[in-house]
Amino acid sequence: MTGPSSRPPVGTALLLMMAVAITSYFAFAAMQGDHGLFRRVQIKADITDLQARKAELEEELARITNLTTRLSDTSLDLDLLDERARVVLGYLRADEVVIH
């Protein structure tokens, strides 16, 4: 007598296990992979940090450009030249007293 069996054939069980394994792999890769959702969030955070750093560097560049322009031959700022000479070379005027 060949009646309906109560358990599925081995081939069907293996096929189902393979389908679950492949689906699990792709779900994991979609979340954790190099191009997954978590990496995308991390990249967006990095972009925000780098844009803030870029703004800081642009401000620093503008400040240095201003100082360079003020110390150029075409427009020399004598007060700035005096300040830089004091800081860099340690110059003092005769009427100044140094306190450490």
PDB file of N, CA and C in Angstrom:
ATOM      1  N   MET A   1       0.798  -1.154   0.000  1.00  0.00           N
ATOM      2  CA  MET A   1       0.000   0.000   0.000  1.00  0.00           C
ATOM      3  C   MET A   1       0.872   1.263   0.000  1.00  0.00           C
ATOM      4  N   THR A   2       0.593   2.126  -0.901  1.00  0.00           N
ATOM      5  CA  THR A   2       1.367   3.347  -0.997  1.00  0.00           C
ATOM      6  C   THR A   2       0.455   4.538  -0.764  1.00  0.00           C
ATOM      7  N   GLY A   3       0.325   4.925   0.440  1.00  0.00           N
ATOM      8  CA  GLY A   3      -0.531   6.050   0.808  1.00  0.00           C
ATOM      9  C   GLY A   3       0.293   7.316   0.955  1.00  0.00           C
ATOM     10  N   PRO A   4      -0.372   8.423   1.189  1.00  0.00           N
ATOM     11  CA  PRO A   4       0.383   9.669   1.386  1.00  0.00           C
ATOM     12  C   PRO A   4       1.228   9.583   2.658  1.00  0.00           C
ATOM     13  N   SER A   5       2.475  10.029   2.523  1.00  0.00           N
ATOM     14  CA  SER A   5       3.381   9.977   3.680  1.00  0.00           C
ATOM     15  C   SER A   5       3.171  11.213   4.549  1.00  0.00           C
ATOM     16  N   SER A   6       3.510  11.084   5.825  1.00  0.00           N
ATOM     17  CA  SER A   6       3.282  12.176   6.758  1.00  0.00           C
ATOM     18  C   SER A   6       4.451  13.166   6.777  1.00  0.00           C
ATOM     19  N   ARG A   7       5.595  12.818   6.237  1.00  0.00           N
ATOM     20  CA  ARG A   7       6.730  13.743   6.224  1.00  0.00           C
ATOM     21  C   ARG A   7       7.104  14.066   4.781  1.00  0.00           C
ATOM     22  N   PRO A   8       7.596  15.273   4.539  1.00  0.00           N
ATOM     23  CA  PRO A   8       7.930  15.652   3.173  1.00  0.00           C
ATOM     24  C   PRO A   8       9.166  14.897   2.692  1.00  0.00           C
ATOM     25  N   PRO A   9       9.324  14.792   1.409  1.00  0.00           N
ATOM     26  CA  PRO A   9      10.517  14.126   0.881  1.00  0.00           C
ATOM     27  C   PRO A   9      11.774  14.911   1.241  1.00  0.00           C
ATOM     28  N   VAL A  10      12.893  14.208   1.273  1.00  0.00           N
ATOM     29  CA  VAL A  10      14.177  14.812   1.643  1.00  0.00           C
ATOM     30  C   VAL A  10      14.563  15.919   0.674  1.00  0.00           C
ATOM     31  N   GLY A  11      14.280  15.763  -0.588  1.00  0.00           N
ATOM     32  CA  GLY A  11      14.616  16.778  -1.594  1.00  0.00           C
ATOM     33  C   GLY A  11      13.913  18.093  -1.334  1.00  0.00           C
ATOM     34  N   THR A  12      12.652  18.029  -0.963  1.00  0.00           N
ATOM     35  CA  THR A  12      11.897  19.246  -0.669  1.00  0.00           C
ATOM     36  C   THR A  12      12.451  19.945   0.571  1.00  0.00           C
ATOM     37  N   ALA A  13      12.808  19.188   1.580  1.00  0.00           N
ATOM     38  CA  ALA A  13      13.384  19.766   2.801  1.00  0.00           C
ATOM     39  C   ALA A  13      14.716  20.428   2.496  1.00  0.00           C
ATOM     40  N   LEU A  14      15.559  19.794   1.678  1.00  0.00           N
ATOM     41  CA  LEU A  14      16.852  20.388   1.311  1.00  0.00           C
ATOM     42  C   LEU A  14      16.656  21.659   0.496  1.00  0.00           C
ATOM     43  N   LEU A  15      15.709  21.643  -0.424  1.00  0.00           N
ATOM     44  CA  LEU A  15      15.429  22.818  -1.233  1.00  0.00           C
ATOM     45  C   LEU A  15      14.946  23.982  -0.356  1.00  0.00           C
ATOM     46  N   LEU A  16      14.110  23.696   0.612  1.00  0.00           N
ATOM     47  CA  LEU A  16      13.627  24.722   1.532  1.00  0.00           C
ATOM     48  C   LEU A  16      14.772  25.274   2.382  1.00  0.00           C
ATOM     49  N   MET A  17      15.647  24.404   2.855  1.00  0.00           N
ATOM     50  CA  MET A  17      16.800  24.849   3.655  1.00  0.00           C
ATOM     51  C   MET A  17      17.744  25.705   2.813  1.00  0.00           C
ATOM     52  N   MET A  18      17.949  25.359   1.558  1.00  0.00           N
ATOM     53  CA  MET A  18      18.800  26.159   0.675  1.00  0.00           C
ATOM     54  C   MET A  18      18.179  27.535   0.433  1.00  0.00           C
ATOM     55  N   ALA A  19      16.871  27.571   0.230  1.00  0.00           N
ATOM     56  CA  ALA A  19      16.184  28.840   0.005  1.00  0.00           C
ATOM     57  C   ALA A  19      16.297  29.742   1.230  1.00  0.00           C
ATOM     58  N   VAL A  20      16.147  29.172   2.412  1.00  0.00           N
ATOM     59  CA  VAL A  20      16.280  29.953   3.647  1.00  0.00           C
ATOM     60  C   VAL A  20      17.714  30.445   3.816  1.00  0.00           C
ATOM     61  N   ALA A  21      18.678  29.605   3.510  1.00  0.00           N
ATOM     62  CA  ALA A  21      20.088  29.989   3.637  1.00  0.00           C
ATOM     63  C   ALA A  21      20.431  31.119   2.675  1.00  0.00           C
ATOM     64  N   ILE A  22      19.997  31.018   1.439  1.00  0.00           N
ATOM     65  CA  ILE A  22      20.298  32.056   0.448  1.00  0.00           C
ATOM     66  C   ILE A  22      19.598  33.368   0.821  1.00  0.00           C
ATOM     67  N   THR A  23      18.365  33.283   1.237  1.00  0.00           N
ATOM     68  CA  THR A  23      17.638  34.482   1.652  1.00  0.00           C
ATOM     69  C   THR A  23      18.304  35.133   2.863  1.00  0.00           C
ATOM     70  N   SER A  24      18.738  34.330   3.801  1.00  0.00           N
ATOM     71  CA  SER A  24      19.434  34.858   4.986  1.00  0.00           C
ATOM     72  C   SER A  24      20.735  35.533   4.593  1.00  0.00           C
ATOM     73  N   TYR A  25      21.472  34.932   3.674  1.00  0.00           N
ATOM     74  CA  TYR A  25      22.744  35.516   3.233  1.00  0.00           C
ATOM     75  C   TYR A  25      22.514  36.891   2.602  1.00  0.00           C
ATOM     76  N   PHE A  26      21.545  36.981   1.693  1.00  0.00           N
ATOM     77  CA  PHE A  26      21.297  38.259   1.026  1.00  0.00           C
ATOM     78  C   PHE A  26      20.735  39.300   1.994  1.00  0.00           C
ATOM     79  N   ALA A  27      19.934  38.894   2.949  1.00  0.00           N
ATOM     80  CA  ALA A  27      19.430  39.833   3.956  1.00  0.00           C
ATOM     81  C   ALA A  27      20.575  40.364   4.815  1.00  0.00           C
ATOM     82  N   PHE A  28      21.485  39.478   5.202  1.00  0.00           N
ATOM     83  CA  PHE A  28      22.647  39.905   5.985  1.00  0.00           C
ATOM     84  C   PHE A  28      23.520  40.853   5.167  1.00  0.00           C
ATOM     85  N   ALA A  29      23.763  40.513   3.896  1.00  0.00           N
ATOM     86  CA  ALA A  29      24.593  41.366   3.035  1.00  0.00           C
ATOM     87  C   ALA A  29      23.942  42.730   2.820  1.00  0.00           C
ATOM     88  N   ALA A  30      22.620  42.764   2.733  1.00  0.00           N
ATOM     89  CA  ALA A  30      21.926  44.038   2.537  1.00  0.00           C
ATOM     90  C   ALA A  30      22.057  44.938   3.762  1.00  0.00           C
ATOM     91  N   MET A  31      22.206  44.359   4.919  1.00  0.00           N
ATOM     92  CA  MET A  31      22.336  45.150   6.137  1.00  0.00           C
ATOM     93  C   MET A  31      23.796  45.452   6.485  1.00  0.00           C
ATOM     94  N   GLN A  32      24.658  44.444   6.424  1.00  0.00           N
ATOM     95  CA  GLN A  32      26.015  44.563   6.944  1.00  0.00           C
ATOM     96  C   GLN A  32      27.094  44.683   5.868  1.00  0.00           C
ATOM     97  N   GLY A  33      26.777  44.482   4.627  1.00  0.00           N
ATOM     98  CA  GLY A  33      27.784  44.425   3.570  1.00  0.00           C
ATOM     99  C   GLY A  33      28.446  45.764   3.307  1.00  0.00           C
ATOM    100  N   ASP A  34      29.388  45.766   2.353  1.00  0.00           N
ATOM    101  CA  ASP A  34      30.114  46.988   2.000  1.00  0.00           C
ATOM    102  C   ASP A  34      29.190  48.076   1.469  1.00  0.00           C
ATOM    103  N   HIS A  35      28.093  47.673   0.869  1.00  0.00           N
ATOM    104  CA  HIS A  35      27.132  48.632   0.334  1.00  0.00           C
ATOM    105  C   HIS A  35      25.785  48.507   1.049  1.00  0.00           C
ATOM    106  N   GLY A  36      25.790  48.017   2.265  1.00  0.00           N
ATOM    107  CA  GLY A  36      24.566  47.786   3.025  1.00  0.00           C
ATOM    108  C   GLY A  36      24.050  49.036   3.703  1.00  0.00           C
ATOM    109  N   LEU A  37      22.957  48.880   4.406  1.00  0.00           N
ATOM    110  CA  LEU A  37      22.301  50.015   5.057  1.00  0.00           C
ATOM    111  C   LEU A  37      23.157  50.626   6.164  1.00  0.00           C
ATOM    112  N   PHE A  38      23.801  49.797   6.963  1.00  0.00           N
ATOM    113  CA  PHE A  38      24.626  50.326   8.049  1.00  0.00           C
ATOM    114  C   PHE A  38      25.821  51.108   7.495  1.00  0.00           C
ATOM    115  N   ARG A  39      26.396  50.625   6.416  1.00  0.00           N
ATOM    116  CA  ARG A  39      27.526  51.331   5.787  1.00  0.00           C
ATOM    117  C   ARG A  39      27.056  52.667   5.220  1.00  0.00           C
ATOM    118  N   ARG A  40      25.848  52.690   4.665  1.00  0.00           N
ATOM    119  CA  ARG A  40      25.312  53.932   4.113  1.00  0.00           C
ATOM    120  C   ARG A  40      25.130  54.984   5.215  1.00  0.00           C
ATOM    121  N   VAL A  41      24.636  54.569   6.373  1.00  0.00           N
ATOM    122  CA  VAL A  41      24.471  55.491   7.497  1.00  0.00           C
ATOM    123  C   VAL A  41      25.837  56.009   7.947  1.00  0.00           C
ATOM    124  N   GLN A  42      26.819  55.117   7.993  1.00  0.00           N
ATOM    125  CA  GLN A  42      28.161  55.521   8.396  1.00  0.00           C
ATOM    126  C   GLN A  42      28.756  56.509   7.391  1.00  0.00           C
ATOM    127  N   ILE A  43      28.536  56.279   6.117  1.00  0.00           N
ATOM    128  CA  ILE A  43      29.058  57.175   5.085  1.00  0.00           C
ATOM    129  C   ILE A  43      28.405  58.550   5.198  1.00  0.00           C
ATOM    130  N   LYS A  44      27.103  58.591   5.457  1.00  0.00           N
ATOM    131  CA  LYS A  44      26.426  59.881   5.613  1.00  0.00           C
ATOM    132  C   LYS A  44      26.963  60.644   6.815  1.00  0.00           C
ATOM    133  N   ALA A  45      27.262  59.941   7.902  1.00  0.00           N
ATOM    134  CA  ALA A  45      27.848  60.594   9.085  1.00  0.00           C
ATOM    135  C   ALA A  45      29.250  61.109   8.759  1.00  0.00           C
ATOM    136  N   ASP A  46      30.019  60.326   8.007  1.00  0.00           N
ATOM    137  CA  ASP A  46      31.357  60.763   7.599  1.00  0.00           C
ATOM    138  C   ASP A  46      31.280  62.002   6.715  1.00  0.00           C
ATOM    139  N   ILE A  47      30.299  62.034   5.827  1.00  0.00           N
ATOM    140  CA  ILE A  47      30.133  63.192   4.948  1.00  0.00           C
ATOM    141  C   ILE A  47      29.845  64.440   5.772  1.00  0.00           C
ATOM    142  N   THR A  48      28.988  64.318   6.770  1.00  0.00           N
ATOM    143  CA  THR A  48      28.659  65.458   7.627  1.00  0.00           C
ATOM    144  C   THR A  48      29.899  65.944   8.371  1.00  0.00           C
ATOM    145  N   ASP A  49      30.675  65.017   8.916  1.00  0.00           N
ATOM    146  CA  ASP A  49      31.900  65.385   9.632  1.00  0.00           C
ATOM    147  C   ASP A  49      32.903  66.057   8.697  1.00  0.00           C
ATOM    148  N   LEU A  50      33.055  65.512   7.508  1.00  0.00           N
ATOM    149  CA  LEU A  50      34.016  66.072   6.558  1.00  0.00           C
ATOM    150  C   LEU A  50      33.576  67.436   6.034  1.00  0.00           C
ATOM    151  N   GLN A  51      32.272  67.653   5.893  1.00  0.00           N
ATOM    152  CA  GLN A  51      31.804  68.974   5.476  1.00  0.00           C
ATOM    153  C   GLN A  51      32.070  70.010   6.562  1.00  0.00           C
ATOM    154  N   ALA A  52      31.913  69.612   7.822  1.00  0.00           N
ATOM    155  CA  ALA A  52      32.227  70.531   8.923  1.00  0.00           C
ATOM    156  C   ALA A  52      33.720  70.845   8.946  1.00  0.00           C
ATOM    157  N   ARG A  53      34.536  69.821   8.736  1.00  0.00           N
ATOM    158  CA  ARG A  53      35.998  70.019   8.699  1.00  0.00           C
ATOM    159  C   ARG A  53      36.385  70.913   7.527  1.00  0.00           C
ATOM    160  N   LYS A  54      35.721  70.727   6.388  1.00  0.00           N
ATOM    161  CA  LYS A  54      35.990  71.558   5.211  1.00  0.00           C
ATOM    162  C   LYS A  54      35.673  73.019   5.511  1.00  0.00           C
ATOM    163  N   ALA A  55      34.548  73.274   6.193  1.00  0.00           N
ATOM    164  CA  ALA A  55      34.180  74.648   6.543  1.00  0.00           C
ATOM    165  C   ALA A  55      35.231  75.270   7.461  1.00  0.00           C
ATOM    166  N   GLU A  56      35.726  74.493   8.432  1.00  0.00           N
ATOM    167  CA  GLU A  56      36.778  74.992   9.318  1.00  0.00           C
ATOM    168  C   GLU A  56      38.042  75.331   8.537  1.00  0.00           C
ATOM    169  N   LEU A  57      38.423  74.461   7.611  1.00  0.00           N
ATOM    170  CA  LEU A  57      39.624  74.697   6.818  1.00  0.00           C
ATOM    171  C   LEU A  57      39.460  75.886   5.886  1.00  0.00           C
ATOM    172  N   GLU A  58      38.246  76.090   5.358  1.00  0.00           N
ATOM    173  CA  GLU A  58      38.006  77.252   4.506  1.00  0.00           C
ATOM    174  C   GLU A  58      38.116  78.543   5.305  1.00  0.00           C
ATOM    175  N   GLU A  59      37.631  78.539   6.558  1.00  0.00           N
ATOM    176  CA  GLU A  59      37.775  79.713   7.419  1.00  0.00           C
ATOM    177  C   GLU A  59      39.250  79.984   7.716  1.00  0.00           C
ATOM    178  N   GLU A  60      39.986  78.914   7.999  1.00  0.00           N
ATOM    179  CA  GLU A  60      41.422  79.064   8.257  1.00  0.00           C
ATOM    180  C   GLU A  60      42.148  79.589   7.024  1.00  0.00           C
ATOM    181  N   LEU A  61      41.777  79.096   5.853  1.00  0.00           N
ATOM    182  CA  LEU A  61      42.386  79.571   4.609  1.00  0.00           C
ATOM    183  C   LEU A  61      42.084  81.045   4.383  1.00  0.00           C
ATOM    184  N   ALA A  62      40.836  81.452   4.660  1.00  0.00           N
ATOM    185  CA  ALA A  62      40.482  82.860   4.499  1.00  0.00           C
ATOM    186  C   ALA A  62      41.287  83.734   5.457  1.00  0.00           C
ATOM    187  N   ARG A  63      41.476  83.262   6.694  1.00  0.00           N
ATOM    188  CA  ARG A  63      42.267  84.030   7.666  1.00  0.00           C
ATOM    189  C   ARG A  63      43.716  84.160   7.218  1.00  0.00           C
ATOM    190  N   ILE A  64      44.294  83.057   6.763  1.00  0.00           N
ATOM    191  CA  ILE A  64      45.701  83.077   6.326  1.00  0.00           C
ATOM    192  C   ILE A  64      45.857  83.922   5.064  1.00  0.00           C
ATOM    193  N   THR A  65      44.884  83.833   4.165  1.00  0.00           N
ATOM    194  CA  THR A  65      44.938  84.655   2.949  1.00  0.00           C
ATOM    195  C   THR A  65      44.882  86.131   3.307  1.00  0.00           C
ATOM    196  N   ASN A  66      44.040  86.491   4.281  1.00  0.00           N
ATOM    197  CA  ASN A  66      43.950  87.872   4.729  1.00  0.00           C
ATOM    198  C   ASN A  66      45.282  88.337   5.298  1.00  0.00           C
ATOM    199  N   LEU A  67      45.889  87.506   6.153  1.00  0.00           N
ATOM    200  CA  LEU A  67      47.183  87.884   6.732  1.00  0.00           C
ATOM    201  C   LEU A  67      48.250  88.000   5.647  1.00  0.00           C
ATOM    202  N   THR A  68      48.248  87.101   4.702  1.00  0.00           N
ATOM    203  CA  THR A  68      49.239  87.134   3.625  1.00  0.00           C
ATOM    204  C   THR A  68      49.059  88.383   2.783  1.00  0.00           C
ATOM    205  N   THR A  69      47.823  88.730   2.493  1.00  0.00           N
ATOM    206  CA  THR A  69      47.559  89.931   1.706  1.00  0.00           C
ATOM    207  C   THR A  69      48.012  91.174   2.464  1.00  0.00           C
ATOM    208  N   ARG A  70      47.773  91.192   3.770  1.00  0.00           N
ATOM    209  CA  ARG A  70      48.162  92.361   4.570  1.00  0.00           C
ATOM    210  C   ARG A  70      49.670  92.475   4.737  1.00  0.00           C
ATOM    211  N   LEU A  71      50.400  91.379   4.528  1.00  0.00           N
ATOM    212  CA  LEU A  71      51.856  91.430   4.627  1.00  0.00           C
ATOM    213  C   LEU A  71      52.530  91.467   3.264  1.00  0.00           C
ATOM    214  N   SER A  72      51.775  91.588   2.194  1.00  0.00           N
ATOM    215  CA  SER A  72      52.359  91.584   0.854  1.00  0.00           C
ATOM    216  C   SER A  72      52.988  92.939   0.545  1.00  0.00           C
ATOM    217  N   ASP A  73      53.727  93.008  -0.555  1.00  0.00           N
ATOM    218  CA  ASP A  73      54.403  94.245  -0.945  1.00  0.00           C
ATOM    219  C   ASP A  73      53.420  95.335  -1.356  1.00  0.00           C
ATOM    220  N   THR A  74      52.285  94.939  -1.880  1.00  0.00           N
ATOM    221  CA  THR A  74      51.333  95.941  -2.378  1.00  0.00           C
ATOM    222  C   THR A  74      50.571  96.640  -1.259  1.00  0.00           C
ATOM    223  N   SER A  75      50.300  95.957  -0.158  1.00  0.00           N
ATOM    224  CA  SER A  75      49.594  96.613   0.952  1.00  0.00           C
ATOM    225  C   SER A  75      50.178  96.092   2.256  1.00  0.00           C
ATOM    226  N   LEU A  76      51.189  96.737   2.747  1.00  0.00           N
ATOM    227  CA  LEU A  76      51.876  96.310   3.959  1.00  0.00           C
ATOM    228  C   LEU A  76      51.213  96.935   5.181  1.00  0.00           C
ATOM    229  N   ASP A  77      50.780  96.108   6.106  1.00  0.00           N
ATOM    230  CA  ASP A  77      50.186  96.548   7.364  1.00  0.00           C
ATOM    231  C   ASP A  77      51.304  96.544   8.412  1.00  0.00           C
ATOM    232  N   LEU A  78      51.746  97.739   8.786  1.00  0.00           N
ATOM    233  CA  LEU A  78      52.892  97.842   9.690  1.00  0.00           C
ATOM    234  C   LEU A  78      52.594  97.291  11.079  1.00  0.00           C
ATOM    235  N   ASP A  79      51.383  97.449  11.559  1.00  0.00           N
ATOM    236  CA  ASP A  79      51.025  96.891  12.867  1.00  0.00           C
ATOM    237  C   ASP A  79      51.113  95.363  12.855  1.00  0.00           C
ATOM    238  N   LEU A  80      50.628  94.751  11.780  1.00  0.00           N
ATOM    239  CA  LEU A  80      50.700  93.293  11.662  1.00  0.00           C
ATOM    240  C   LEU A  80      52.151  92.843  11.526  1.00  0.00           C
ATOM    241  N   LEU A  81      52.942  93.573  10.768  1.00  0.00           N
ATOM    242  CA  LEU A  81      54.363  93.237  10.626  1.00  0.00           C
ATOM    243  C   LEU A  81      55.066  93.314  11.978  1.00  0.00           C
ATOM    244  N   ASP A  82      54.761  94.344  12.753  1.00  0.00           N
ATOM    245  CA  ASP A  82      55.347  94.491  14.081  1.00  0.00           C
ATOM    246  C   ASP A  82      54.933  93.329  14.984  1.00  0.00           C
ATOM    247  N   GLU A  83      53.659  92.963  14.954  1.00  0.00           N
ATOM    248  CA  GLU A  83      53.176  91.849  15.771  1.00  0.00           C
ATOM    249  C   GLU A  83      53.857  90.539  15.397  1.00  0.00           C
ATOM    250  N   ARG A  84      53.954  90.253  14.112  1.00  0.00           N
ATOM    251  CA  ARG A  84      54.571  88.998  13.658  1.00  0.00           C
ATOM    252  C   ARG A  84      56.057  88.964  14.018  1.00  0.00           C
ATOM    253  N   ALA A  85      56.752  90.084  13.904  1.00  0.00           N
ATOM    254  CA  ALA A  85      58.169  90.129  14.259  1.00  0.00           C
ATOM    255  C   ALA A  85      58.355  89.863  15.746  1.00  0.00           C
ATOM    256  N   ARG A  86      57.454  90.388  16.554  1.00  0.00           N
ATOM    257  CA  ARG A  86      57.542  90.147  17.992  1.00  0.00           C
ATOM    258  C   ARG A  86      57.305  88.677  18.324  1.00  0.00           C
ATOM    259  N   VAL A  87      56.290  88.078  17.703  1.00  0.00           N
ATOM    260  CA  VAL A  87      55.946  86.690  18.008  1.00  0.00           C
ATOM    261  C   VAL A  87      56.994  85.728  17.469  1.00  0.00           C
ATOM    262  N   VAL A  88      57.360  85.888  16.216  1.00  0.00           N
ATOM    263  CA  VAL A  88      58.249  84.922  15.572  1.00  0.00           C
ATOM    264  C   VAL A  88      59.698  85.110  16.004  1.00  0.00           C
ATOM    265  N   LEU A  89      60.168  86.343  16.021  1.00  0.00           N
ATOM    266  CA  LEU A  89      61.577  86.598  16.309  1.00  0.00           C
ATOM    267  C   LEU A  89      61.852  86.958  17.764  1.00  0.00           C
ATOM    268  N   GLY A  90      60.789  87.241  18.521  1.00  0.00           N
ATOM    269  CA  GLY A  90      60.980  87.576  19.924  1.00  0.00           C
ATOM    270  C   GLY A  90      61.488  88.998  20.127  1.00  0.00           C
ATOM    271  N   TYR A  91      61.167  89.876  19.194  1.00  0.00           N
ATOM    272  CA  TYR A  91      61.630  91.262  19.312  1.00  0.00           C
ATOM    273  C   TYR A  91      60.835  92.008  20.366  1.00  0.00           C
ATOM    274  N   LEU A  92      61.518  92.949  21.022  1.00  0.00           N
ATOM    275  CA  LEU A  92      60.900  93.836  22.006  1.00  0.00           C
ATOM    276  C   LEU A  92      61.324  95.268  21.708  1.00  0.00           C
ATOM    277  N   ARG A  93      60.476  96.182  22.128  1.00  0.00           N
ATOM    278  CA  ARG A  93      60.892  97.604  22.029  1.00  0.00           C
ATOM    279  C   ARG A  93      61.700  97.920  23.282  1.00  0.00           C
ATOM    280  N   ALA A  94      62.423  99.012  23.234  1.00  0.00           N
ATOM    281  CA  ALA A  94      63.303  99.388  24.338  1.00  0.00           C
ATOM    282  C   ALA A  94      62.514  99.754  25.598  1.00  0.00           C
ATOM    283  N   ASP A  95      61.273 100.209  25.422  1.00  0.00           N
ATOM    284  CA  ASP A  95      60.504 100.651  26.581  1.00  0.00           C
ATOM    285  C   ASP A  95      59.590  99.551  27.149  1.00  0.00           C
ATOM    286  N   GLU A  96      59.741  98.308  26.717  1.00  0.00           N
ATOM    287  CA  GLU A  96      58.888  97.217  27.175  1.00  0.00           C
ATOM    288  C   GLU A  96      59.583  96.392  28.246  1.00  0.00           C
ATOM    289  N   VAL A  97      58.786  95.840  29.143  1.00  0.00           N
ATOM    290  CA  VAL A  97      59.292  94.968  30.204  1.00  0.00           C
ATOM    291  C   VAL A  97      58.683  93.591  29.999  1.00  0.00           C
ATOM    292  N   VAL A  98      59.497  92.539  30.070  1.00  0.00           N
ATOM    293  CA  VAL A  98      59.023  91.165  29.874  1.00  0.00           C
ATOM    294  C   VAL A  98      58.778  90.534  31.230  1.00  0.00           C
ATOM    295  N   ILE A  99      57.586  89.969  31.403  1.00  0.00           N
ATOM    296  CA  ILE A  99      57.245  89.271  32.646  1.00  0.00           C
ATOM    297  C   ILE A  99      56.895  87.843  32.275  1.00  0.00           C
ATOM    298  N   HIS A 100      57.558  86.874  32.869  1.00  0.00           N
ATOM    299  CA  HIS A 100      57.288  85.458  32.576  1.00  0.00           C
ATOM    300  C   HIS A 100      56.330  84.893  33.554  1.00  0.00           C
TER     301      HIS A 100
END
